[in-house]
Amino acid sequence: MTMADVRIEFSEDAARELLKSPEVQADLAQRAAAIAGAAGIGTFDVTPSMTPTRARVSVGTADHAARHAEATTRSLTSALDAGRG
């Protein structure tokens, strides 16, 4: 068998279950917490949610200091790299 003979079958149901799994939820929560921690001045909220197809998480400003820091120095936007890796 050569590489040209390999066939990969993709299961949408299995992929959907993976995207909603507790492991993916935990990974997203960890990444969001790292972003919120790296954003600096102010308080940042981490909000997990679930859609019919996947787990999600968002990080947002929670007080005036955080909103001001994002508006003037893009502190939250600049912290996105903390969630990679």
PDB file of N, CA and C in Angstrom:
ATOM      1  N   MET A   1       0.845  -1.185   0.000  1.00  0.00           N
ATOM      2  CA  MET A   1       0.000   0.000   0.000  1.00  0.00           C
ATOM      3  C   MET A   1       0.887   1.244   0.000  1.00  0.00           C
ATOM      4  N   THR A   2       0.609   2.136  -0.901  1.00  0.00           N
ATOM      5  CA  THR A   2       1.345   3.396  -0.968  1.00  0.00           C
ATOM      6  C   THR A   2       0.525   4.509  -0.329  1.00  0.00           C
ATOM      7  N   MET A   3       1.139   5.661  -0.151  1.00  0.00           N
ATOM      8  CA  MET A   3       0.435   6.797   0.443  1.00  0.00           C
ATOM      9  C   MET A   3      -0.789   7.186  -0.391  1.00  0.00           C
ATOM     10  N   ALA A   4      -0.729   6.991  -1.686  1.00  0.00           N
ATOM     11  CA  ALA A   4      -1.855   7.338  -2.550  1.00  0.00           C
ATOM     12  C   ALA A   4      -3.051   6.429  -2.294  1.00  0.00           C
ATOM     13  N   ASP A   5      -2.831   5.268  -1.681  1.00  0.00           N
ATOM     14  CA  ASP A   5      -3.913   4.330  -1.425  1.00  0.00           C
ATOM     15  C   ASP A   5      -4.590   4.542  -0.074  1.00  0.00           C
ATOM     16  N   VAL A   6      -4.099   5.444   0.730  1.00  0.00           N
ATOM     17  CA  VAL A   6      -4.656   5.671   2.065  1.00  0.00           C
ATOM     18  C   VAL A   6      -5.941   6.487   1.942  1.00  0.00           C
ATOM     19  N   ARG A   7      -6.961   6.027   2.634  1.00  0.00           N
ATOM     20  CA  ARG A   7      -8.239   6.743   2.628  1.00  0.00           C
ATOM     21  C   ARG A   7      -8.603   7.099   4.068  1.00  0.00           C
ATOM     22  N   ILE A   8      -8.921   8.345   4.280  1.00  0.00           N
ATOM     23  CA  ILE A   8      -9.303   8.813   5.610  1.00  0.00           C
ATOM     24  C   ILE A   8     -10.785   9.167   5.573  1.00  0.00           C
ATOM     25  N   GLU A   9     -11.536   8.588   6.497  1.00  0.00           N
ATOM     26  CA  GLU A   9     -12.956   8.906   6.594  1.00  0.00           C
ATOM     27  C   GLU A   9     -13.176   9.806   7.798  1.00  0.00           C
ATOM     28  N   PHE A  10     -13.923  10.869   7.597  1.00  0.00           N
ATOM     29  CA  PHE A  10     -14.176  11.869   8.615  1.00  0.00           C
ATOM     30  C   PHE A  10     -15.592  11.685   9.149  1.00  0.00           C
ATOM     31  N   SER A  11     -15.724  11.566  10.445  1.00  0.00           N
ATOM     32  CA  SER A  11     -17.034  11.426  11.068  1.00  0.00           C
ATOM     33  C   SER A  11     -17.438  12.763  11.680  1.00  0.00           C
ATOM     34  N   GLU A  12     -18.446  13.403  11.101  1.00  0.00           N
ATOM     35  CA  GLU A  12     -18.898  14.689  11.623  1.00  0.00           C
ATOM     36  C   GLU A  12     -19.435  14.563  13.039  1.00  0.00           C
ATOM     37  N   ASP A  13     -20.132  13.496  13.341  1.00  0.00           N
ATOM     38  CA  ASP A  13     -20.665  13.294  14.688  1.00  0.00           C
ATOM     39  C   ASP A  13     -19.541  13.164  15.717  1.00  0.00           C
ATOM     40  N   ALA A  14     -18.491  12.425  15.367  1.00  0.00           N
ATOM     41  CA  ALA A  14     -17.362  12.262  16.288  1.00  0.00           C
ATOM     42  C   ALA A  14     -16.626  13.583  16.480  1.00  0.00           C
ATOM     43  N   ALA A  15     -16.462  14.343  15.410  1.00  0.00           N
ATOM     44  CA  ALA A  15     -15.802  15.646  15.511  1.00  0.00           C
ATOM     45  C   ALA A  15     -16.624  16.592  16.383  1.00  0.00           C
ATOM     46  N   ARG A  16     -17.937  16.592  16.218  1.00  0.00           N
ATOM     47  CA  ARG A  16     -18.812  17.450  17.016  1.00  0.00           C
ATOM     48  C   ARG A  16     -18.719  17.085  18.497  1.00  0.00           C
ATOM     49  N   GLU A  17     -18.701  15.802  18.793  1.00  0.00           N
ATOM     50  CA  GLU A  17     -18.571  15.363  20.187  1.00  0.00           C
ATOM     51  C   GLU A  17     -17.220  15.771  20.765  1.00  0.00           C
ATOM     52  N   LEU A  18     -16.161  15.668  19.965  1.00  0.00           N
ATOM     53  CA  LEU A  18     -14.839  16.090  20.408  1.00  0.00           C
ATOM     54  C   LEU A  18     -14.836  17.583  20.735  1.00  0.00           C
ATOM     55  N   LEU A  19     -15.445  18.394  19.883  1.00  0.00           N
ATOM     56  CA  LEU A  19     -15.467  19.843  20.086  1.00  0.00           C
ATOM     57  C   LEU A  19     -16.286  20.262  21.304  1.00  0.00           C
ATOM     58  N   LYS A  20     -17.126  19.356  21.819  1.00  0.00           N
ATOM     59  CA  LYS A  20     -17.926  19.652  23.009  1.00  0.00           C
ATOM     60  C   LYS A  20     -17.422  18.906  24.242  1.00  0.00           C
ATOM     61  N   SER A  21     -16.338  18.188  24.120  1.00  0.00           N
ATOM     62  CA  SER A  21     -15.853  17.329  25.198  1.00  0.00           C
ATOM     63  C   SER A  21     -15.339  18.127  26.399  1.00  0.00           C
ATOM     64  N   PRO A  22     -15.362  17.504  27.580  1.00  0.00           N
ATOM     65  CA  PRO A  22     -14.821  18.178  28.778  1.00  0.00           C
ATOM     66  C   PRO A  22     -13.353  18.563  28.616  1.00  0.00           C
ATOM     67  N   GLU A  23     -12.600  17.778  27.881  1.00  0.00           N
ATOM     68  CA  GLU A  23     -11.180  18.090  27.672  1.00  0.00           C
ATOM     69  C   GLU A  23     -11.012  19.380  26.869  1.00  0.00           C
ATOM     70  N   VAL A  24     -11.819  19.547  25.838  1.00  0.00           N
ATOM     71  CA  VAL A  24     -11.754  20.775  25.037  1.00  0.00           C
ATOM     72  C   VAL A  24     -12.233  21.954  25.878  1.00  0.00           C
ATOM     73  N   GLN A  25     -13.287  21.775  26.665  1.00  0.00           N
ATOM     74  CA  GLN A  25     -13.774  22.837  27.534  1.00  0.00           C
ATOM     75  C   GLN A  25     -12.695  23.273  28.525  1.00  0.00           C
ATOM     76  N   ALA A  26     -11.994  22.308  29.102  1.00  0.00           N
ATOM     77  CA  ALA A  26     -10.924  22.631  30.058  1.00  0.00           C
ATOM     78  C   ALA A  26      -9.780  23.364  29.375  1.00  0.00           C
ATOM     79  N   ASP A  27      -9.420  22.941  28.171  1.00  0.00           N
ATOM     80  CA  ASP A  27      -8.341  23.601  27.435  1.00  0.00           C
ATOM     81  C   ASP A  27      -8.720  25.044  27.108  1.00  0.00           C
ATOM     82  N   LEU A  28      -9.942  25.245  26.648  1.00  0.00           N
ATOM     83  CA  LEU A  28     -10.392  26.600  26.341  1.00  0.00           C
ATOM     84  C   LEU A  28     -10.394  27.486  27.586  1.00  0.00           C
ATOM     85  N   ALA A  29     -10.848  26.935  28.710  1.00  0.00           N
ATOM     86  CA  ALA A  29     -10.874  27.702  29.958  1.00  0.00           C
ATOM     87  C   ALA A  29      -9.462  28.097  30.379  1.00  0.00           C
ATOM     88  N   GLN A  30      -8.511  27.175  30.222  1.00  0.00           N
ATOM     89  CA  GLN A  30      -7.116  27.465  30.579  1.00  0.00           C
ATOM     90  C   GLN A  30      -6.546  28.566  29.681  1.00  0.00           C
ATOM     91  N   ARG A  31      -6.823  28.492  28.397  1.00  0.00           N
ATOM     92  CA  ARG A  31      -6.328  29.500  27.469  1.00  0.00           C
ATOM     93  C   ARG A  31      -6.940  30.870  27.760  1.00  0.00           C
ATOM     94  N   ALA A  32      -8.236  30.889  28.044  1.00  0.00           N
ATOM     95  CA  ALA A  32      -8.913  32.151  28.344  1.00  0.00           C
ATOM     96  C   ALA A  32      -8.371  32.762  29.630  1.00  0.00           C
ATOM     97  N   ALA A  33      -8.128  31.929  30.637  1.00  0.00           N
ATOM     98  CA  ALA A  33      -7.565  32.436  31.894  1.00  0.00           C
ATOM     99  C   ALA A  33      -6.174  33.023  31.667  1.00  0.00           C
ATOM    100  N   ALA A  34      -5.390  32.398  30.797  1.00  0.00           N
ATOM    101  CA  ALA A  34      -4.057  32.927  30.491  1.00  0.00           C
ATOM    102  C   ALA A  34      -4.161  34.285  29.794  1.00  0.00           C
ATOM    103  N   ILE A  35      -5.109  34.417  28.891  1.00  0.00           N
ATOM    104  CA  ILE A  35      -5.315  35.694  28.198  1.00  0.00           C
ATOM    105  C   ILE A  35      -5.743  36.764  29.195  1.00  0.00           C
ATOM    106  N   ALA A  36      -6.718  36.432  30.041  1.00  0.00           N
ATOM    107  CA  ALA A  36      -7.199  37.395  31.041  1.00  0.00           C
ATOM    108  C   ALA A  36      -6.077  37.802  31.988  1.00  0.00           C
ATOM    109  N   GLY A  37      -5.240  36.854  32.373  1.00  0.00           N
ATOM    110  CA  GLY A  37      -4.127  37.153  33.270  1.00  0.00           C
ATOM    111  C   GLY A  37      -3.062  38.021  32.630  1.00  0.00           C
ATOM    112  N   ALA A  38      -2.866  37.845  31.332  1.00  0.00           N
ATOM    113  CA  ALA A  38      -1.835  38.613  30.629  1.00  0.00           C
ATOM    114  C   ALA A  38      -2.325  40.003  30.217  1.00  0.00           C
ATOM    115  N   ALA A  39      -3.626  40.245  30.304  1.00  0.00           N
ATOM    116  CA  ALA A  39      -4.173  41.513  29.820  1.00  0.00           C
ATOM    117  C   ALA A  39      -3.798  42.698  30.700  1.00  0.00           C
ATOM    118  N   GLY A  40      -3.440  42.426  31.956  1.00  0.00           N
ATOM    119  CA  GLY A  40      -2.931  43.502  32.796  1.00  0.00           C
ATOM    120  C   GLY A  40      -3.977  44.233  33.596  1.00  0.00           C
ATOM    121  N   ILE A  41      -3.991  45.549  33.476  1.00  0.00           N
ATOM    122  CA  ILE A  41      -4.799  46.435  34.323  1.00  0.00           C
ATOM    123  C   ILE A  41      -6.290  46.151  34.167  1.00  0.00           C
ATOM    124  N   GLY A  42      -6.979  46.073  35.301  1.00  0.00           N
ATOM    125  CA  GLY A  42      -8.426  45.904  35.285  1.00  0.00           C
ATOM    126  C   GLY A  42      -8.839  44.463  35.517  1.00  0.00           C
ATOM    127  N   THR A  43     -10.149  44.259  35.479  1.00  0.00           N
ATOM    128  CA  THR A  43     -10.715  42.930  35.674  1.00  0.00           C
ATOM    129  C   THR A  43     -11.284  42.443  34.356  1.00  0.00           C
ATOM    130  N   PHE A  44     -10.997  41.186  34.043  1.00  0.00           N
ATOM    131  CA  PHE A  44     -11.466  40.590  32.805  1.00  0.00           C
ATOM    132  C   PHE A  44     -12.280  39.349  33.131  1.00  0.00           C
ATOM    133  N   ASP A  45     -13.455  39.240  32.524  1.00  0.00           N
ATOM    134  CA  ASP A  45     -14.340  38.096  32.740  1.00  0.00           C
ATOM    135  C   ASP A  45     -14.062  37.012  31.717  1.00  0.00           C
ATOM    136  N   VAL A  46     -14.035  35.770  32.185  1.00  0.00           N
ATOM    137  CA  VAL A  46     -13.949  34.598  31.317  1.00  0.00           C
ATOM    138  C   VAL A  46     -15.321  33.954  31.343  1.00  0.00           C
ATOM    139  N   THR A  47     -15.952  33.838  30.175  1.00  0.00           N
ATOM    140  CA  THR A  47     -17.307  33.313  30.093  1.00  0.00           C
ATOM    141  C   THR A  47     -17.351  32.108  29.165  1.00  0.00           C
ATOM    142  N   PRO A  48     -17.523  30.893  29.739  1.00  0.00           N
ATOM    143  CA  PRO A  48     -17.667  29.708  28.889  1.00  0.00           C
ATOM    144  C   PRO A  48     -19.100  29.595  28.381  1.00  0.00           C
ATOM    145  N   SER A  49     -19.269  28.987  27.217  1.00  0.00           N
ATOM    146  CA  SER A  49     -20.606  28.732  26.688  1.00  0.00           C
ATOM    147  C   SER A  49     -20.547  27.500  25.792  1.00  0.00           C
ATOM    148  N   MET A  50     -21.713  26.972  25.490  1.00  0.00           N
ATOM    149  CA  MET A  50     -21.810  25.787  24.646  1.00  0.00           C
ATOM    150  C   MET A  50     -22.818  26.069  23.539  1.00  0.00           C
ATOM    151  N   THR A  51     -22.430  25.802  22.312  1.00  0.00           N
ATOM    152  CA  THR A  51     -23.362  25.891  21.194  1.00  0.00           C
ATOM    153  C   THR A  51     -23.746  24.456  20.825  1.00  0.00           C
ATOM    154  N   PRO A  52     -24.667  24.272  19.917  1.00  0.00           N
ATOM    155  CA  PRO A  52     -25.011  22.899  19.532  1.00  0.00           C
ATOM    156  C   PRO A  52     -23.844  22.123  18.911  1.00  0.00           C
ATOM    157  N   THR A  53     -22.848  22.827  18.397  1.00  0.00           N
ATOM    158  CA  THR A  53     -21.753  22.140  17.711  1.00  0.00           C
ATOM    159  C   THR A  53     -20.406  22.197  18.398  1.00  0.00           C
ATOM    160  N   ARG A  54     -20.231  23.089  19.382  1.00  0.00           N
ATOM    161  CA  ARG A  54     -18.900  23.217  19.993  1.00  0.00           C
ATOM    162  C   ARG A  54     -18.935  23.986  21.310  1.00  0.00           C
ATOM    163  N   ALA A  55     -17.862  23.814  22.074  1.00  0.00           N
ATOM    164  CA  ALA A  55     -17.651  24.604  23.287  1.00  0.00           C
ATOM    165  C   ALA A  55     -17.006  25.919  22.881  1.00  0.00           C
ATOM    166  N   ARG A  56     -17.309  26.965  23.633  1.00  0.00           N
ATOM    167  CA  ARG A  56     -16.731  28.276  23.358  1.00  0.00           C
ATOM    168  C   ARG A  56     -16.356  28.940  24.664  1.00  0.00           C
ATOM    169  N   VAL A  57     -15.516  29.948  24.578  1.00  0.00           N
ATOM    170  CA  VAL A  57     -15.174  30.765  25.739  1.00  0.00           C
ATOM    171  C   VAL A  57     -14.850  32.168  25.235  1.00  0.00           C
ATOM    172  N   SER A  58     -15.208  33.161  26.029  1.00  0.00           N
ATOM    173  CA  SER A  58     -14.871  34.535  25.659  1.00  0.00           C
ATOM    174  C   SER A  58     -14.229  35.228  26.853  1.00  0.00           C
ATOM    175  N   VAL A  59     -13.413  36.211  26.543  1.00  0.00           N
ATOM    176  CA  VAL A  59     -12.782  37.029  27.574  1.00  0.00           C
ATOM    177  C   VAL A  59     -13.192  38.463  27.287  1.00  0.00           C
ATOM    178  N   GLY A  60     -13.726  39.126  28.290  1.00  0.00           N
ATOM    179  CA  GLY A  60     -14.170  40.500  28.098  1.00  0.00           C
ATOM    180  C   GLY A  60     -13.797  41.384  29.272  1.00  0.00           C
ATOM    181  N   THR A  61     -13.884  42.666  29.049  1.00  0.00           N
ATOM    182  CA  THR A  61     -13.587  43.625  30.113  1.00  0.00           C
ATOM    183  C   THR A  61     -14.730  43.631  31.118  1.00  0.00           C
ATOM    184  N   ALA A  62     -14.398  43.782  32.409  1.00  0.00           N
ATOM    185  CA  ALA A  62     -15.415  43.713  33.454  1.00  0.00           C
ATOM    186  C   ALA A  62     -15.496  44.981  34.302  1.00  0.00           C
ATOM    187  N   ASP A  63     -14.601  45.919  34.081  1.00  0.00           N
ATOM    188  CA  ASP A  63     -14.666  47.158  34.844  1.00  0.00           C
ATOM    189  C   ASP A  63     -14.106  48.310  34.012  1.00  0.00           C
ATOM    190  N   HIS A  64     -14.239  49.505  34.564  1.00  0.00           N
ATOM    191  CA  HIS A  64     -13.800  50.699  33.837  1.00  0.00           C
ATOM    192  C   HIS A  64     -12.309  50.657  33.516  1.00  0.00           C
ATOM    193  N   ALA A  65     -11.503  50.214  34.463  1.00  0.00           N
ATOM    194  CA  ALA A  65     -10.053  50.192  34.239  1.00  0.00           C
ATOM    195  C   ALA A  65      -9.694  49.273  33.068  1.00  0.00           C
ATOM    196  N   ALA A  66     -10.345  48.136  32.984  1.00  0.00           N
ATOM    197  CA  ALA A  66     -10.072  47.205  31.889  1.00  0.00           C
ATOM    198  C   ALA A  66     -10.544  47.775  30.560  1.00  0.00           C
ATOM    199  N   ARG A  67     -11.726  48.387  30.553  1.00  0.00           N
ATOM    200  CA  ARG A  67     -12.228  48.997  29.312  1.00  0.00           C
ATOM    201  C   ARG A  67     -11.308  50.128  28.862  1.00  0.00           C
ATOM    202  N   HIS A  68     -10.830  50.934  29.808  1.00  0.00           N
ATOM    203  CA  HIS A  68      -9.922  52.030  29.470  1.00  0.00           C
ATOM    204  C   HIS A  68      -8.600  51.486  28.922  1.00  0.00           C
ATOM    205  N   ALA A  69      -8.079  50.440  29.567  1.00  0.00           N
ATOM    206  CA  ALA A  69      -6.813  49.851  29.105  1.00  0.00           C
ATOM    207  C   ALA A  69      -6.962  49.272  27.694  1.00  0.00           C
ATOM    208  N   GLU A  70      -8.086  48.635  27.422  1.00  0.00           N
ATOM    209  CA  GLU A  70      -8.299  48.087  26.076  1.00  0.00           C
ATOM    210  C   GLU A  70      -8.457  49.212  25.060  1.00  0.00           C
ATOM    211  N   ALA A  71      -9.174  50.263  25.433  1.00  0.00           N
ATOM    212  CA  ALA A  71      -9.409  51.373  24.507  1.00  0.00           C
ATOM    213  C   ALA A  71      -8.143  52.153  24.195  1.00  0.00           C
ATOM    214  N   THR A  72      -7.255  52.292  25.160  1.00  0.00           N
ATOM    215  CA  THR A  72      -6.069  53.130  24.954  1.00  0.00           C
ATOM    216  C   THR A  72      -4.827  52.352  24.546  1.00  0.00           C
ATOM    217  N   THR A  73      -4.664  51.141  25.085  1.00  0.00           N
ATOM    218  CA  THR A  73      -3.436  50.394  24.793  1.00  0.00           C
ATOM    219  C   THR A  73      -3.679  49.022  24.177  1.00  0.00           C
ATOM    220  N   ARG A  74      -4.950  48.697  23.942  1.00  0.00           N
ATOM    221  CA  ARG A  74      -5.319  47.390  23.369  1.00  0.00           C
ATOM    222  C   ARG A  74      -4.766  46.247  24.223  1.00  0.00           C
ATOM    223  N   SER A  75      -4.889  46.380  25.533  1.00  0.00           N
ATOM    224  CA  SER A  75      -4.299  45.410  26.457  1.00  0.00           C
ATOM    225  C   SER A  75      -4.856  44.005  26.283  1.00  0.00           C
ATOM    226  N   LEU A  76      -6.160  43.867  26.117  1.00  0.00           N
ATOM    227  CA  LEU A  76      -6.761  42.547  25.952  1.00  0.00           C
ATOM    228  C   LEU A  76      -6.404  41.970  24.591  1.00  0.00           C
ATOM    229  N   THR A  77      -6.506  42.777  23.565  1.00  0.00           N
ATOM    230  CA  THR A  77      -6.138  42.327  22.223  1.00  0.00           C
ATOM    231  C   THR A  77      -4.676  41.888  22.182  1.00  0.00           C
ATOM    232  N   SER A  78      -3.810  42.635  22.830  1.00  0.00           N
ATOM    233  CA  SER A  78      -2.377  42.303  22.847  1.00  0.00           C
ATOM    234  C   SER A  78      -2.080  41.039  23.631  1.00  0.00           C
ATOM    235  N   ALA A  79      -2.987  40.645  24.513  1.00  0.00           N
ATOM    236  CA  ALA A  79      -2.766  39.456  25.349  1.00  0.00           C
ATOM    237  C   ALA A  79      -3.184  38.165  24.664  1.00  0.00           C
ATOM    238  N   LEU A  80      -3.715  38.218  23.464  1.00  0.00           N
ATOM    239  CA  LEU A  80      -4.199  37.013  22.780  1.00  0.00           C
ATOM    240  C   LEU A  80      -3.125  35.944  22.622  1.00  0.00           C
ATOM    241  N   ASP A  81      -1.890  36.341  22.408  1.00  0.00           N
ATOM    242  CA  ASP A  81      -0.812  35.354  22.253  1.00  0.00           C
ATOM    243  C   ASP A  81      -0.634  34.490  23.494  1.00  0.00           C
ATOM    244  N   ALA A  82      -1.036  34.966  24.659  1.00  0.00           N
ATOM    245  CA  ALA A  82      -0.922  34.185  25.883  1.00  0.00           C
ATOM    246  C   ALA A  82      -1.800  32.930  25.825  1.00  0.00           C
ATOM    247  N   GLY A  83      -2.817  32.937  24.983  1.00  0.00           N
ATOM    248  CA  GLY A  83      -3.699  31.786  24.859  1.00  0.00           C
ATOM    249  C   GLY A  83      -3.256  30.772  23.829  1.00  0.00           C
ATOM    250  N   ARG A  84      -2.185  31.038  23.145  1.00  0.00           N
ATOM    251  CA  ARG A  84      -1.682  30.095  22.133  1.00  0.00           C
ATOM    252  C   ARG A  84      -0.652  29.188  22.788  1.00  0.00           C
ATOM    253  N   GLY A  85      -0.619  27.990  22.313  1.00  0.00           N
ATOM    254  CA  GLY A  85       0.452  27.130  22.774  1.00  0.00           C
ATOM    255  C   GLY A  85       0.133  26.107  23.753  1.00  0.00           C
TER     256      GLY A  85
END
